[in-house]
Amino acid sequence: MMHALIVSRPLATLVTLGASGLFASHIPMILEDDGSQFGVLKGHISRANTQWRDFVPTVDALAIFAGHQHYITPTWYPGTKEHGKEVPTWNYVVVHAYGPLKVIEDEQWLLTNVEKLTNIHEAGSPDPWRVSDAPEDFIRTQLKGIVGLELPIQKLEGKWKVSQNRTERDRNGVVDGLAKLNTPESLAMKALVEEV
């Protein structure tokens, strides 16, 4: 379930500790099975982004993957009309991946990473673009502007807060309320609440 969320929502918030304090960047990451318990995350950032230079290698990095989320109004709970003792909340799905961050400047590693990332996200296109569609010298120049990152996952935590702490009656109210909103995000959260 946690791996599936990482794959379906690959834009990570990468958080590290450096000399200037906490630093966060938003980068797409690929989850690869390296034979370990949780796998390894691979991505890249701009060489101009100082995060790759300013982090404490002895402190684990944190990659946060956010799934669906939605505000839950107390008006969806039947108890609001009966006794008024309800409050709003927020439903969300999130995965936290922790591990030591490794910087990679190898051109072949970078090219492979960019090709995999591109192929994954172009797969659904009727006319998928490939890295090889661009001139080779142009791609080599672009690769000089990025730095690779690997995060072998040492600890993986997931949190699914999707009204599972509520009664079936309350969950039904949440499902009805989300259905009436009829937005892509409300319908996605509705499906998660129904899975409980």
N, C-alpha and C. Protein backbone atom coordinates (compact mmCIF):
# COMPACT_ATOMS: atom_id res chain seq x y z
N MET A 1 0.81 -1.19 0.00
CA MET A 1 0.00 0.00 0.00
C MET A 1 0.87 1.27 0.00
N MET A 2 1.92 1.27 0.85
CA MET A 2 2.79 2.44 0.91
C MET A 2 3.60 2.59 -0.38
N HIS A 3 4.10 1.47 -0.88
CA HIS A 3 4.85 1.53 -2.13
C HIS A 3 3.94 1.99 -3.28
N ALA A 4 2.71 1.53 -3.28
CA ALA A 4 1.76 1.93 -4.33
C ALA A 4 1.53 3.43 -4.30
N LEU A 5 1.44 4.01 -3.12
CA LEU A 5 1.25 5.46 -3.03
C LEU A 5 2.48 6.19 -3.58
N ILE A 6 3.67 5.74 -3.25
CA ILE A 6 4.89 6.37 -3.75
C ILE A 6 4.92 6.33 -5.28
N VAL A 7 4.55 5.20 -5.84
CA VAL A 7 4.57 5.05 -7.30
C VAL A 7 3.50 5.93 -7.95
N SER A 8 2.32 6.00 -7.34
CA SER A 8 1.23 6.77 -7.94
C SER A 8 1.34 8.28 -7.70
N ARG A 9 2.05 8.68 -6.66
CA ARG A 9 2.23 10.09 -6.32
C ARG A 9 3.73 10.37 -6.13
N PRO A 10 4.51 10.34 -7.23
CA PRO A 10 5.97 10.35 -7.12
C PRO A 10 6.63 11.68 -6.78
N LEU A 11 5.86 12.77 -6.69
CA LEU A 11 6.48 14.05 -6.35
C LEU A 11 6.73 14.09 -4.85
N ALA A 12 8.00 13.97 -4.48
CA ALA A 12 8.38 13.93 -3.06
C ALA A 12 8.75 15.32 -2.57
N THR A 13 8.47 15.55 -1.31
CA THR A 13 9.05 16.69 -0.60
C THR A 13 10.26 16.11 0.12
N LEU A 14 11.45 16.44 -0.37
CA LEU A 14 12.68 15.92 0.20
C LEU A 14 13.19 16.89 1.25
N VAL A 15 13.28 16.43 2.49
CA VAL A 15 13.69 17.27 3.61
C VAL A 15 15.02 16.78 4.16
N THR A 16 15.97 17.71 4.28
CA THR A 16 17.28 17.39 4.85
C THR A 16 17.65 18.45 5.88
N LEU A 17 18.62 18.10 6.73
CA LEU A 17 19.16 19.04 7.70
C LEU A 17 20.55 19.45 7.23
N GLY A 18 20.78 20.76 7.20
CA GLY A 18 22.08 21.27 6.78
C GLY A 18 22.56 22.35 7.72
N ALA A 19 23.66 23.00 7.37
CA ALA A 19 24.23 24.05 8.20
C ALA A 19 23.27 25.20 8.40
N SER A 20 22.42 25.44 7.43
CA SER A 20 21.46 26.55 7.53
C SER A 20 20.13 26.11 8.12
N GLY A 21 20.01 24.87 8.55
CA GLY A 21 18.76 24.36 9.12
C GLY A 21 18.08 23.37 8.20
N LEU A 22 16.77 23.29 8.30
CA LEU A 22 16.01 22.37 7.46
C LEU A 22 15.90 22.93 6.05
N PHE A 23 15.91 22.04 5.07
CA PHE A 23 15.83 22.42 3.66
C PHE A 23 14.87 21.45 2.99
N ALA A 24 13.95 21.95 2.18
CA ALA A 24 13.00 21.10 1.48
C ALA A 24 13.01 21.42 -0.01
N SER A 25 12.99 20.40 -0.82
CA SER A 25 12.85 20.53 -2.27
C SER A 25 11.76 19.57 -2.72
N HIS A 26 11.13 19.90 -3.82
CA HIS A 26 10.06 19.06 -4.36
C HIS A 26 10.57 18.44 -5.65
N ILE A 27 10.76 17.12 -5.61
CA ILE A 27 11.33 16.44 -6.77
C ILE A 27 10.62 15.12 -7.03
N PRO A 28 10.41 14.77 -8.30
CA PRO A 28 9.85 13.45 -8.59
C PRO A 28 10.91 12.39 -8.31
N MET A 29 10.48 11.29 -7.72
CA MET A 29 11.41 10.21 -7.39
C MET A 29 10.86 8.90 -7.92
N ILE A 30 11.78 8.02 -8.26
CA ILE A 30 11.44 6.68 -8.73
C ILE A 30 11.76 5.71 -7.60
N LEU A 31 10.82 4.82 -7.32
CA LEU A 31 11.04 3.76 -6.34
C LEU A 31 11.54 2.53 -7.08
N GLU A 32 12.72 2.04 -6.70
CA GLU A 32 13.28 0.85 -7.33
C GLU A 32 13.50 -0.24 -6.29
N ASP A 33 13.26 -1.47 -6.70
CA ASP A 33 13.51 -2.62 -5.85
C ASP A 33 14.98 -2.98 -5.97
N ASP A 34 15.70 -2.80 -4.89
CA ASP A 34 17.14 -3.13 -4.89
C ASP A 34 17.43 -4.37 -4.07
N GLY A 35 16.37 -5.12 -3.72
CA GLY A 35 16.54 -6.33 -2.92
C GLY A 35 16.44 -6.08 -1.43
N SER A 36 16.41 -4.81 -1.02
CA SER A 36 16.29 -4.50 0.41
C SER A 36 14.82 -4.56 0.82
N GLN A 37 14.56 -4.38 2.10
CA GLN A 37 13.20 -4.47 2.61
C GLN A 37 12.25 -3.45 1.99
N PHE A 38 12.71 -2.20 1.83
CA PHE A 38 11.82 -1.12 1.38
C PHE A 38 12.15 -0.57 0.00
N GLY A 39 13.33 -0.85 -0.52
CA GLY A 39 13.72 -0.32 -1.83
C GLY A 39 14.54 0.96 -1.71
N VAL A 40 14.79 1.57 -2.85
CA VAL A 40 15.60 2.78 -2.90
C VAL A 40 14.87 3.82 -3.76
N LEU A 41 14.93 5.06 -3.34
CA LEU A 41 14.35 6.16 -4.10
C LEU A 41 15.46 6.82 -4.90
N LYS A 42 15.16 7.16 -6.16
CA LYS A 42 16.14 7.82 -7.02
C LYS A 42 15.50 9.03 -7.68
N GLY A 43 16.26 10.11 -7.72
CA GLY A 43 15.78 11.33 -8.35
C GLY A 43 16.95 12.23 -8.67
N HIS A 44 16.63 13.46 -9.05
CA HIS A 44 17.70 14.43 -9.32
C HIS A 44 17.17 15.83 -9.04
N ILE A 45 18.10 16.73 -8.75
CA ILE A 45 17.77 18.14 -8.54
C ILE A 45 18.72 19.00 -9.36
N SER A 46 18.35 20.22 -9.50
CA SER A 46 19.20 21.17 -10.21
C SER A 46 20.52 21.35 -9.45
N ARG A 47 21.59 21.43 -10.20
CA ARG A 47 22.89 21.68 -9.60
C ARG A 47 22.88 23.01 -8.84
N ALA A 48 22.03 23.95 -9.28
CA ALA A 48 21.93 25.26 -8.62
C ALA A 48 21.25 25.17 -7.26
N ASN A 49 20.51 24.09 -7.01
CA ASN A 49 19.84 23.88 -5.72
C ASN A 49 20.91 23.47 -4.70
N THR A 50 21.08 24.26 -3.67
CA THR A 50 22.16 24.01 -2.71
C THR A 50 21.91 22.84 -1.77
N GLN A 51 20.73 22.25 -1.81
CA GLN A 51 20.43 21.15 -0.89
C GLN A 51 21.42 19.99 -1.04
N TRP A 52 21.86 19.71 -2.26
CA TRP A 52 22.76 18.58 -2.47
C TRP A 52 24.15 18.80 -1.87
N ARG A 53 24.51 20.06 -1.63
CA ARG A 53 25.80 20.38 -1.02
C ARG A 53 25.69 20.57 0.49
N ASP A 54 24.54 21.10 0.93
CA ASP A 54 24.37 21.48 2.34
C ASP A 54 23.41 20.53 3.05
N PHE A 55 23.89 19.34 3.33
CA PHE A 55 23.10 18.43 4.18
C PHE A 55 24.07 17.63 5.03
N VAL A 56 23.60 17.22 6.18
CA VAL A 56 24.42 16.44 7.12
C VAL A 56 24.25 14.96 6.76
N PRO A 57 25.31 14.34 6.22
CA PRO A 57 25.18 12.96 5.76
C PRO A 57 24.90 11.95 6.87
N THR A 58 25.17 12.31 8.11
CA THR A 58 24.93 11.39 9.23
C THR A 58 23.49 11.47 9.74
N VAL A 59 22.71 12.42 9.22
CA VAL A 59 21.30 12.55 9.59
C VAL A 59 20.45 12.10 8.41
N ASP A 60 19.54 11.16 8.64
CA ASP A 60 18.69 10.66 7.55
C ASP A 60 17.90 11.78 6.90
N ALA A 61 17.72 11.65 5.61
CA ALA A 61 16.82 12.53 4.86
C ALA A 61 15.41 11.96 4.97
N LEU A 62 14.43 12.79 4.69
CA LEU A 62 13.03 12.39 4.73
C LEU A 62 12.38 12.76 3.40
N ALA A 63 11.78 11.77 2.75
CA ALA A 63 11.02 12.02 1.52
C ALA A 63 9.54 11.80 1.86
N ILE A 64 8.74 12.84 1.65
CA ILE A 64 7.31 12.80 1.98
C ILE A 64 6.51 12.70 0.68
N PHE A 65 5.65 11.71 0.61
CA PHE A 65 4.78 11.51 -0.54
C PHE A 65 3.34 11.71 -0.08
N ALA A 66 2.69 12.72 -0.60
CA ALA A 66 1.33 13.04 -0.19
C ALA A 66 0.33 12.47 -1.19
N GLY A 67 -0.64 11.75 -0.66
CA GLY A 67 -1.71 11.21 -1.48
C GLY A 67 -2.92 12.13 -1.45
N HIS A 68 -4.07 11.55 -1.57
CA HIS A 68 -5.31 12.34 -1.57
C HIS A 68 -5.55 12.95 -0.19
N GLN A 69 -6.20 14.10 -0.20
CA GLN A 69 -6.53 14.80 1.05
C GLN A 69 -7.81 15.59 0.84
N HIS A 70 -8.51 15.84 1.94
CA HIS A 70 -9.75 16.63 1.84
C HIS A 70 -10.20 17.11 3.21
N TYR A 71 -10.73 18.30 3.24
CA TYR A 71 -11.37 18.87 4.43
C TYR A 71 -12.67 18.10 4.69
N ILE A 72 -12.94 17.82 5.96
CA ILE A 72 -14.16 17.12 6.36
C ILE A 72 -14.94 18.04 7.30
N THR A 73 -16.09 18.51 6.85
CA THR A 73 -16.91 19.41 7.64
C THR A 73 -17.75 18.64 8.66
N PRO A 74 -17.95 19.19 9.85
CA PRO A 74 -18.78 18.50 10.84
C PRO A 74 -20.25 18.41 10.42
N THR A 75 -20.65 19.20 9.44
CA THR A 75 -22.05 19.13 9.00
C THR A 75 -22.37 17.80 8.34
N TRP A 76 -21.36 17.02 7.97
CA TRP A 76 -21.60 15.70 7.38
C TRP A 76 -21.87 14.63 8.44
N TYR A 77 -21.60 14.93 9.70
CA TYR A 77 -21.87 13.98 10.78
C TYR A 77 -23.30 14.19 11.29
N PRO A 78 -24.09 13.12 11.39
CA PRO A 78 -25.46 13.27 11.90
C PRO A 78 -25.51 13.89 13.30
N GLY A 79 -24.49 13.63 14.10
CA GLY A 79 -24.47 14.16 15.47
C GLY A 79 -24.45 15.68 15.55
N THR A 80 -24.02 16.35 14.49
CA THR A 80 -23.97 17.81 14.50
C THR A 80 -25.36 18.38 14.72
N LYS A 81 -26.37 17.82 14.05
CA LYS A 81 -27.75 18.29 14.21
C LYS A 81 -28.36 17.81 15.51
N GLU A 82 -27.91 16.66 15.99
CA GLU A 82 -28.49 16.07 17.20
C GLU A 82 -27.97 16.70 18.49
N HIS A 83 -26.64 16.91 18.58
CA HIS A 83 -26.08 17.42 19.83
C HIS A 83 -25.02 18.51 19.61
N GLY A 84 -24.59 18.72 18.40
CA GLY A 84 -23.64 19.79 18.09
C GLY A 84 -22.22 19.54 18.53
N LYS A 85 -21.93 18.39 19.10
CA LYS A 85 -20.59 18.13 19.63
C LYS A 85 -19.69 17.47 18.59
N GLU A 86 -19.45 18.17 17.51
CA GLU A 86 -18.59 17.70 16.43
C GLU A 86 -17.68 18.84 16.00
N VAL A 87 -16.54 18.51 15.45
CA VAL A 87 -15.60 19.51 14.96
C VAL A 87 -15.09 19.10 13.57
N PRO A 88 -14.57 20.07 12.81
CA PRO A 88 -14.01 19.71 11.50
C PRO A 88 -12.70 18.94 11.64
N THR A 89 -12.34 18.28 10.57
CA THR A 89 -11.06 17.57 10.54
C THR A 89 -10.56 17.55 9.10
N TRP A 90 -9.44 16.87 8.90
CA TRP A 90 -8.86 16.75 7.57
C TRP A 90 -8.49 15.29 7.36
N ASN A 91 -8.96 14.72 6.28
CA ASN A 91 -8.57 13.36 5.90
C ASN A 91 -7.39 13.45 4.94
N TYR A 92 -6.47 12.51 5.05
CA TYR A 92 -5.30 12.52 4.17
C TYR A 92 -4.62 11.17 4.16
N VAL A 93 -3.80 10.99 3.14
CA VAL A 93 -2.98 9.80 2.99
C VAL A 93 -1.56 10.29 2.72
N VAL A 94 -0.59 9.76 3.47
CA VAL A 94 0.79 10.21 3.32
C VAL A 94 1.75 9.07 3.64
N VAL A 95 2.92 9.09 2.98
CA VAL A 95 3.99 8.13 3.28
C VAL A 95 5.27 8.92 3.53
N HIS A 96 5.97 8.54 4.59
CA HIS A 96 7.27 9.13 4.93
C HIS A 96 8.34 8.05 4.74
N ALA A 97 9.35 8.36 3.93
CA ALA A 97 10.46 7.44 3.69
C ALA A 97 11.74 8.09 4.23
N TYR A 98 12.44 7.38 5.11
CA TYR A 98 13.66 7.89 5.74
C TYR A 98 14.87 7.08 5.29
N GLY A 99 15.99 7.75 5.14
CA GLY A 99 17.22 7.04 4.83
C GLY A 99 18.36 7.99 4.57
N PRO A 100 19.58 7.45 4.48
CA PRO A 100 20.75 8.28 4.20
C PRO A 100 20.75 8.74 2.74
N LEU A 101 21.02 10.01 2.54
CA LEU A 101 21.01 10.58 1.20
C LEU A 101 22.40 10.46 0.58
N LYS A 102 22.42 10.04 -0.67
CA LYS A 102 23.68 9.88 -1.41
C LYS A 102 23.61 10.75 -2.67
N VAL A 103 24.65 11.52 -2.90
CA VAL A 103 24.73 12.39 -4.09
C VAL A 103 25.47 11.65 -5.18
N ILE A 104 24.94 11.73 -6.41
CA ILE A 104 25.55 11.03 -7.55
C ILE A 104 25.74 12.03 -8.69
N GLU A 105 26.98 12.09 -9.19
CA GLU A 105 27.30 13.00 -10.29
C GLU A 105 27.71 12.26 -11.56
N ASP A 106 27.55 10.95 -11.58
CA ASP A 106 27.91 10.13 -12.73
C ASP A 106 26.93 10.38 -13.89
N GLU A 107 27.46 10.73 -15.07
CA GLU A 107 26.62 11.08 -16.21
C GLU A 107 25.73 9.92 -16.66
N GLN A 108 26.25 8.70 -16.68
CA GLN A 108 25.44 7.55 -17.11
C GLN A 108 24.31 7.30 -16.13
N TRP A 109 24.57 7.41 -14.82
CA TRP A 109 23.52 7.25 -13.81
C TRP A 109 22.43 8.30 -14.03
N LEU A 110 22.86 9.54 -14.24
CA LEU A 110 21.90 10.64 -14.45
C LEU A 110 21.06 10.40 -15.70
N LEU A 111 21.70 9.99 -16.79
CA LEU A 111 20.97 9.72 -18.04
C LEU A 111 19.95 8.61 -17.83
N THR A 112 20.35 7.54 -17.17
CA THR A 112 19.44 6.43 -16.90
C THR A 112 18.26 6.90 -16.05
N ASN A 113 18.52 7.71 -15.03
CA ASN A 113 17.46 8.22 -14.18
C ASN A 113 16.48 9.09 -14.95
N VAL A 114 17.01 9.99 -15.77
CA VAL A 114 16.16 10.89 -16.56
C VAL A 114 15.34 10.08 -17.57
N GLU A 115 15.94 9.07 -18.19
CA GLU A 115 15.22 8.24 -19.14
C GLU A 115 14.09 7.46 -18.45
N LYS A 116 14.38 6.85 -17.29
CA LYS A 116 13.35 6.10 -16.57
C LYS A 116 12.21 7.02 -16.15
N LEU A 117 12.55 8.15 -15.58
CA LEU A 117 11.54 9.11 -15.13
C LEU A 117 10.67 9.57 -16.29
N THR A 118 11.31 9.88 -17.41
CA THR A 118 10.58 10.32 -18.60
C THR A 118 9.69 9.20 -19.13
N ASN A 119 10.22 8.00 -19.25
CA ASN A 119 9.45 6.87 -19.79
C ASN A 119 8.22 6.56 -18.92
N ILE A 120 8.38 6.64 -17.61
CA ILE A 120 7.25 6.39 -16.70
C ILE A 120 6.14 7.41 -16.95
N HIS A 121 6.50 8.67 -17.04
CA HIS A 121 5.49 9.72 -17.12
C HIS A 121 5.01 10.01 -18.53
N GLU A 122 5.71 9.53 -19.53
CA GLU A 122 5.25 9.67 -20.91
C GLU A 122 4.45 8.46 -21.37
N ALA A 123 4.44 7.40 -20.56
CA ALA A 123 3.82 6.13 -20.97
C ALA A 123 2.36 6.27 -21.39
N GLY A 124 1.61 7.14 -20.75
CA GLY A 124 0.21 7.30 -21.08
C GLY A 124 -0.08 8.23 -22.24
N SER A 125 0.94 8.85 -22.77
CA SER A 125 0.76 9.79 -23.87
C SER A 125 0.54 9.05 -25.19
N PRO A 126 -0.33 9.58 -26.05
CA PRO A 126 -0.52 8.91 -27.35
C PRO A 126 0.74 8.96 -28.23
N ASP A 127 1.59 9.93 -27.98
CA ASP A 127 2.84 10.07 -28.73
C ASP A 127 3.96 10.35 -27.73
N PRO A 128 4.42 9.31 -27.01
CA PRO A 128 5.38 9.54 -25.93
C PRO A 128 6.71 10.12 -26.42
N TRP A 129 7.17 11.13 -25.70
CA TRP A 129 8.47 11.73 -25.97
C TRP A 129 9.53 10.89 -25.27
N ARG A 130 10.65 10.73 -25.92
CA ARG A 130 11.79 9.99 -25.35
C ARG A 130 12.98 10.93 -25.26
N VAL A 131 13.84 10.69 -24.29
CA VAL A 131 15.05 11.50 -24.16
C VAL A 131 15.85 11.46 -25.46
N SER A 132 15.85 10.31 -26.11
CA SER A 132 16.60 10.16 -27.36
C SER A 132 16.01 10.99 -28.51
N ASP A 133 14.82 11.58 -28.31
CA ASP A 133 14.23 12.46 -29.34
C ASP A 133 14.97 13.80 -29.42
N ALA A 134 15.67 14.15 -28.37
CA ALA A 134 16.44 15.41 -28.35
C ALA A 134 17.87 15.13 -28.82
N PRO A 135 18.54 16.14 -29.36
CA PRO A 135 19.93 15.93 -29.78
C PRO A 135 20.82 15.50 -28.61
N GLU A 136 21.70 14.56 -28.86
CA GLU A 136 22.56 13.99 -27.81
C GLU A 136 23.40 15.06 -27.11
N ASP A 137 23.97 16.01 -27.87
CA ASP A 137 24.80 17.04 -27.24
C ASP A 137 23.95 17.95 -26.34
N PHE A 138 22.70 18.19 -26.72
CA PHE A 138 21.79 18.98 -25.89
C PHE A 138 21.52 18.27 -24.57
N ILE A 139 21.25 16.95 -24.63
CA ILE A 139 20.99 16.17 -23.42
C ILE A 139 22.22 16.16 -22.52
N ARG A 140 23.40 16.00 -23.09
CA ARG A 140 24.63 16.00 -22.28
C ARG A 140 24.80 17.34 -21.55
N THR A 141 24.47 18.43 -22.23
CA THR A 141 24.55 19.75 -21.60
C THR A 141 23.53 19.86 -20.46
N GLN A 142 22.33 19.35 -20.70
CA GLN A 142 21.30 19.39 -19.66
C GLN A 142 21.71 18.56 -18.44
N LEU A 143 22.34 17.42 -18.67
CA LEU A 143 22.77 16.55 -17.56
C LEU A 143 23.80 17.23 -16.68
N LYS A 144 24.59 18.12 -17.25
CA LYS A 144 25.59 18.85 -16.45
C LYS A 144 24.94 19.80 -15.46
N GLY A 145 23.65 20.09 -15.66
CA GLY A 145 22.94 21.02 -14.78
C GLY A 145 22.18 20.35 -13.65
N ILE A 146 22.31 19.01 -13.53
CA ILE A 146 21.59 18.31 -12.46
C ILE A 146 22.54 17.42 -11.65
N VAL A 147 22.06 17.02 -10.50
CA VAL A 147 22.79 16.14 -9.59
C VAL A 147 21.83 15.03 -9.18
N GLY A 148 22.31 13.79 -9.20
CA GLY A 148 21.48 12.66 -8.82
C GLY A 148 21.43 12.47 -7.31
N LEU A 149 20.31 11.91 -6.87
CA LEU A 149 20.13 11.61 -5.45
C LEU A 149 19.59 10.19 -5.30
N GLU A 150 20.15 9.48 -4.34
CA GLU A 150 19.64 8.16 -3.97
C GLU A 150 19.34 8.16 -2.50
N LEU A 151 18.21 7.59 -2.15
CA LEU A 151 17.83 7.46 -0.75
C LEU A 151 17.42 6.01 -0.50
N PRO A 152 18.35 5.18 0.00
CA PRO A 152 17.97 3.81 0.37
C PRO A 152 17.02 3.90 1.57
N ILE A 153 15.81 3.39 1.40
CA ILE A 153 14.80 3.55 2.46
C ILE A 153 15.13 2.63 3.64
N GLN A 154 15.40 3.24 4.79
CA GLN A 154 15.69 2.50 6.02
C GLN A 154 14.44 2.34 6.88
N LYS A 155 13.53 3.32 6.76
CA LYS A 155 12.29 3.30 7.56
C LYS A 155 11.18 3.87 6.68
N LEU A 156 10.02 3.22 6.74
CA LEU A 156 8.87 3.64 5.93
C LEU A 156 7.66 3.72 6.85
N GLU A 157 7.00 4.89 6.85
CA GLU A 157 5.81 5.10 7.67
C GLU A 157 4.68 5.61 6.80
N GLY A 158 3.51 5.05 6.99
CA GLY A 158 2.34 5.51 6.25
C GLY A 158 1.23 5.88 7.20
N LYS A 159 0.47 6.88 6.81
CA LYS A 159 -0.68 7.29 7.62
C LYS A 159 -1.86 7.47 6.68
N TRP A 160 -2.91 6.69 6.93
CA TRP A 160 -4.16 6.80 6.20
C TRP A 160 -5.19 7.30 7.21
N LYS A 161 -5.47 8.59 7.21
CA LYS A 161 -6.51 9.16 8.08
C LYS A 161 -7.71 9.42 7.19
N VAL A 162 -8.57 8.42 7.11
CA VAL A 162 -9.69 8.48 6.17
C VAL A 162 -11.01 8.13 6.90
N SER A 163 -11.24 8.79 8.02
CA SER A 163 -12.46 8.64 8.82
C SER A 163 -12.62 7.26 9.44
N GLN A 164 -11.53 6.47 9.50
CA GLN A 164 -11.65 5.13 10.08
C GLN A 164 -11.91 5.18 11.58
N ASN A 165 -11.68 6.32 12.22
CA ASN A 165 -11.92 6.47 13.66
C ASN A 165 -13.38 6.81 13.96
N ARG A 166 -14.18 6.99 12.93
CA ARG A 166 -15.58 7.39 13.10
C ARG A 166 -16.50 6.17 13.00
N THR A 167 -17.73 6.33 13.46
CA THR A 167 -18.72 5.25 13.37
C THR A 167 -19.11 5.06 11.90
N GLU A 168 -19.74 3.94 11.62
CA GLU A 168 -20.21 3.69 10.25
C GLU A 168 -21.20 4.78 9.82
N ARG A 169 -22.03 5.20 10.75
CA ARG A 169 -23.01 6.25 10.47
C ARG A 169 -22.31 7.55 10.05
N ASP A 170 -21.25 7.92 10.78
CA ASP A 170 -20.49 9.13 10.45
C ASP A 170 -19.76 8.97 9.12
N ARG A 171 -19.17 7.79 8.90
CA ARG A 171 -18.48 7.54 7.63
C ARG A 171 -19.44 7.65 6.45
N ASN A 172 -20.66 7.15 6.63
CA ASN A 172 -21.67 7.27 5.58
C ASN A 172 -22.00 8.74 5.30
N GLY A 173 -22.05 9.55 6.35
CA GLY A 173 -22.28 10.98 6.17
C GLY A 173 -21.14 11.65 5.42
N VAL A 174 -19.91 11.25 5.72
CA VAL A 174 -18.75 11.78 5.03
C VAL A 174 -18.78 11.37 3.55
N VAL A 175 -19.10 10.10 3.30
CA VAL A 175 -19.18 9.61 1.91
C VAL A 175 -20.24 10.39 1.14
N ASP A 176 -21.40 10.60 1.74
CA ASP A 176 -22.46 11.35 1.07
C ASP A 176 -22.03 12.79 0.79
N GLY A 177 -21.41 13.42 1.78
CA GLY A 177 -20.96 14.81 1.61
C GLY A 177 -19.91 14.95 0.53
N LEU A 178 -18.95 14.04 0.52
CA LEU A 178 -17.91 14.07 -0.51
C LEU A 178 -18.50 13.81 -1.90
N ALA A 179 -19.47 12.90 -1.97
CA ALA A 179 -20.12 12.60 -3.25
C ALA A 179 -20.86 13.82 -3.79
N LYS A 180 -21.51 14.57 -2.91
CA LYS A 180 -22.26 15.76 -3.35
C LYS A 180 -21.33 16.85 -3.87
N LEU A 181 -20.12 16.92 -3.33
CA LEU A 181 -19.15 17.91 -3.85
C LEU A 181 -18.78 17.57 -5.29
N ASN A 182 -18.64 16.28 -5.56
CA ASN A 182 -18.41 15.78 -6.91
C ASN A 182 -17.19 16.41 -7.62
N THR A 183 -16.11 16.57 -6.87
CA THR A 183 -14.86 17.03 -7.47
C THR A 183 -13.92 15.82 -7.56
N PRO A 184 -12.91 15.88 -8.40
CA PRO A 184 -11.99 14.74 -8.48
C PRO A 184 -11.39 14.39 -7.11
N GLU A 185 -11.01 15.40 -6.33
CA GLU A 185 -10.38 15.12 -5.04
C GLU A 185 -11.41 14.58 -4.03
N SER A 186 -12.64 15.13 -4.04
CA SER A 186 -13.66 14.62 -3.10
C SER A 186 -14.04 13.18 -3.44
N LEU A 187 -14.11 12.86 -4.72
CA LEU A 187 -14.47 11.50 -5.12
C LEU A 187 -13.35 10.52 -4.80
N ALA A 188 -12.11 10.96 -4.93
CA ALA A 188 -10.98 10.10 -4.55
C ALA A 188 -10.99 9.82 -3.05
N MET A 189 -11.27 10.86 -2.24
CA MET A 189 -11.34 10.65 -0.78
C MET A 189 -12.55 9.79 -0.44
N LYS A 190 -13.66 9.99 -1.12
CA LYS A 190 -14.86 9.17 -0.91
C LYS A 190 -14.51 7.70 -1.07
N ALA A 191 -13.79 7.37 -2.13
CA ALA A 191 -13.41 5.97 -2.39
C ALA A 191 -12.53 5.44 -1.26
N LEU A 192 -11.64 6.26 -0.74
CA LEU A 192 -10.78 5.82 0.37
C LEU A 192 -11.58 5.59 1.64
N VAL A 193 -12.53 6.46 1.93
CA VAL A 193 -13.37 6.30 3.12
C VAL A 193 -14.22 5.04 2.98
N GLU A 194 -14.71 4.77 1.79
CA GLU A 194 -15.53 3.57 1.56
C GLU A 194 -14.72 2.30 1.72
N GLU A 195 -13.42 2.35 1.50
CA GLU A 195 -12.57 1.17 1.67
C GLU A 195 -12.40 0.76 3.13
N VAL A 196 -12.65 1.69 4.04
CA VAL A 196 -12.42 1.42 5.47
C VAL A 196 -13.32 0.30 5.94
